[in-house]
């Protein structure tokens, strides 16, 4: 990825581009560590094996305008979390300004909106990544 500001980045969920996004946090990887320490471990130090990788969650913030939420596909996010426990992970793609992409399957784990007295209405959502994301350089 080249050095750019985030302006121009997009997020699509199940082929629906989400509008009015003000910030996106891509997948954040973490790895489990498996303790293999035993009574014969050297010098009294714990020993570990690397475990499975979790691609974490993608989070994003957006300006919320209830009068155009269908047009911005914000309702697609709400509908995904309201679908209950039998919802399937859907294809998601983050496209950065230079054309690099990260594609992953996921389902919505959080959705909220905020309507302050003297400021714009906003919202945020999180998507749990299921499986390994695919990063692709700009073509």
Protein backbone atom coordinates (compact mmCIF):
# COMPACT_ATOMS: atom_id res chain seq x y z
CA UNK A 1 0.00 0.00 0.00
CA UNK A 2 1.35 3.39 -0.90
CA UNK A 3 1.32 6.30 1.52
CA UNK A 4 -2.15 7.82 1.30
CA UNK A 5 -4.76 9.29 3.54
CA UNK A 6 -7.90 7.20 3.95
CA UNK A 7 -10.04 9.54 1.86
CA UNK A 8 -11.66 7.56 -0.94
CA UNK A 9 -11.66 4.19 0.83
CA UNK A 10 -14.83 2.13 0.43
CA UNK A 11 -16.49 -0.82 2.13
CA UNK A 12 -18.94 -3.16 0.47
CA UNK A 13 -20.97 -5.84 2.22
CA UNK A 14 -22.65 -8.50 0.07
CA UNK A 15 -21.97 -6.33 -3.01
CA UNK A 16 -23.65 -3.29 -1.39
CA UNK A 17 -21.33 -0.28 -1.05
CA UNK A 18 -21.91 1.40 2.30
CA UNK A 19 -22.28 5.15 1.99
CA UNK A 20 -21.26 8.06 4.23
CA UNK A 21 -18.33 6.20 5.84
CA UNK A 22 -16.02 8.43 7.89
CA UNK A 23 -13.51 5.80 9.01
CA UNK A 24 -12.63 2.11 8.53
CA UNK A 25 -10.41 -0.12 10.66
CA UNK A 26 -9.31 -3.20 8.65
CA UNK A 27 -8.92 -6.69 10.16
CA UNK A 28 -6.59 -6.88 13.15
CA UNK A 29 -4.81 -10.21 13.46
CA UNK A 30 -3.98 -11.97 16.70
CA UNK A 31 -2.55 -15.42 17.37
CA UNK A 32 -3.27 -17.75 20.26
CA UNK A 33 -0.32 -19.13 22.18
CA UNK A 34 -0.45 -22.67 23.54
CA UNK A 35 1.41 -23.24 26.81
CA UNK A 36 3.62 -26.34 26.52
CA UNK A 37 5.52 -25.81 29.78
CA UNK A 38 6.25 -28.96 31.74
CA UNK A 39 8.35 -29.98 34.72
CA UNK A 40 11.43 -30.35 32.49
CA UNK A 41 11.21 -26.89 30.85
CA UNK A 42 14.61 -25.22 30.68
CA UNK A 43 15.66 -22.60 33.22
CA UNK A 44 12.16 -22.18 34.68
CA UNK A 45 10.82 -20.40 31.61
CA UNK A 46 7.45 -21.12 30.04
CA UNK A 47 7.43 -22.57 26.55
CA UNK A 48 4.79 -22.05 23.89
CA UNK A 49 3.61 -23.20 20.49
CA UNK A 50 1.94 -20.82 18.07
CA UNK A 51 -1.81 -21.39 17.89
CA UNK A 52 -4.56 -20.40 15.50
CA UNK A 53 -4.86 -16.91 14.03
CA UNK A 54 -7.99 -14.80 14.55
CA UNK A 55 -8.54 -12.04 11.98
CA UNK A 56 -10.59 -10.10 14.53
CA UNK A 57 -13.19 -7.55 13.54
CA UNK A 58 -13.53 -4.75 11.03
CA UNK A 59 -15.04 -1.59 12.46
CA UNK A 60 -16.30 1.48 10.69
CA UNK A 61 -18.03 4.76 11.44
CA UNK A 62 -20.53 6.58 9.27
CA UNK A 63 -22.68 9.69 9.10
CA UNK A 64 -26.26 8.62 9.69
CA UNK A 65 -29.08 10.27 7.79
CA UNK A 66 -32.28 8.35 8.46
CA UNK A 67 -33.97 9.91 5.44
CA UNK A 68 -31.49 8.29 3.03
CA UNK A 69 -30.37 5.21 4.97
CA UNK A 70 -31.73 2.84 2.33
CA UNK A 71 -29.74 4.61 -0.40
CA UNK A 72 -26.53 4.42 1.64
CA UNK A 73 -27.14 0.73 2.44
CA UNK A 74 -26.92 1.38 6.18
CA UNK A 75 -30.09 -0.68 6.61
CA UNK A 76 -28.23 -3.69 5.12
CA UNK A 77 -25.96 -3.60 8.17
CA UNK A 78 -28.86 -3.43 10.61
CA UNK A 79 -30.70 -6.20 8.74
CA UNK A 80 -27.63 -8.46 8.96
CA UNK A 81 -27.46 -8.23 12.76
CA UNK A 82 -31.26 -8.56 13.11
CA UNK A 83 -31.21 -11.79 11.06
CA UNK A 84 -30.52 -13.79 14.22
CA UNK A 85 -28.13 -16.66 14.88
CA UNK A 86 -28.67 -18.39 11.52
CA UNK A 87 -27.24 -15.54 9.43
CA UNK A 88 -24.46 -16.60 7.08
CA UNK A 89 -21.17 -14.80 6.69
CA UNK A 90 -21.24 -12.57 3.61
CA UNK A 91 -18.52 -11.36 1.27
CA UNK A 92 -17.03 -8.00 2.26
CA UNK A 93 -14.40 -5.88 0.52
CA UNK A 94 -12.44 -2.85 1.69
CA UNK A 95 -10.91 -0.89 -1.19
CA UNK A 96 -8.20 1.62 -0.36
CA UNK A 97 -7.54 4.81 -2.37
CA UNK A 98 -4.60 3.26 -4.24
CA UNK A 99 -6.73 0.29 -5.35
CA UNK A 100 -5.39 -2.25 -2.85
CA UNK A 101 -8.18 -4.44 -1.44
CA UNK A 102 -8.81 -6.73 1.48
CA UNK A 103 -11.60 -9.25 0.94
CA UNK A 104 -13.11 -11.37 3.70
CA UNK A 105 -16.26 -13.12 4.83
CA UNK A 106 -18.02 -11.77 7.89
CA UNK A 107 -21.18 -11.03 9.77
CA UNK A 108 -22.27 -7.96 11.72
CA UNK A 109 -21.62 -8.16 15.48
CA UNK A 110 -22.39 -4.57 16.42
CA UNK A 111 -24.50 -1.69 15.14
CA UNK A 112 -25.33 1.62 16.80
CA UNK A 113 -26.43 5.11 15.92
CA UNK A 114 -26.05 8.34 17.85
CA UNK A 115 -28.31 11.40 17.66
CA UNK A 116 -26.72 14.21 19.70
CA UNK A 117 -28.62 17.42 20.38
CA UNK A 118 -26.27 19.80 18.56
CA UNK A 119 -24.18 17.71 16.22
CA UNK A 120 -24.59 15.44 13.21
CA UNK A 121 -26.09 11.99 13.66
CA UNK A 122 -23.50 9.22 13.35
CA UNK A 123 -23.24 5.48 13.65
CA UNK A 124 -20.76 2.66 13.93
CA UNK A 125 -20.69 -1.03 13.22
CA UNK A 126 -18.41 -4.02 13.60
CA UNK A 127 -18.08 -7.08 11.39
CA UNK A 128 -16.55 -10.33 12.70
CA UNK A 129 -14.13 -11.73 10.14
CA UNK A 130 -14.59 -15.46 9.48
CA UNK A 131 -11.59 -17.19 7.91
CA UNK A 132 -8.50 -15.72 6.31
CA UNK A 133 -8.76 -12.31 4.60
CA UNK A 134 -7.26 -11.93 1.13
CA UNK A 135 -5.10 -8.88 0.55
CA UNK A 136 -4.55 -7.86 -3.08
CA UNK A 137 -2.25 -5.16 -4.40
CA UNK A 138 -3.60 -2.53 -6.74
CA UNK A 139 -3.72 -3.76 -10.32
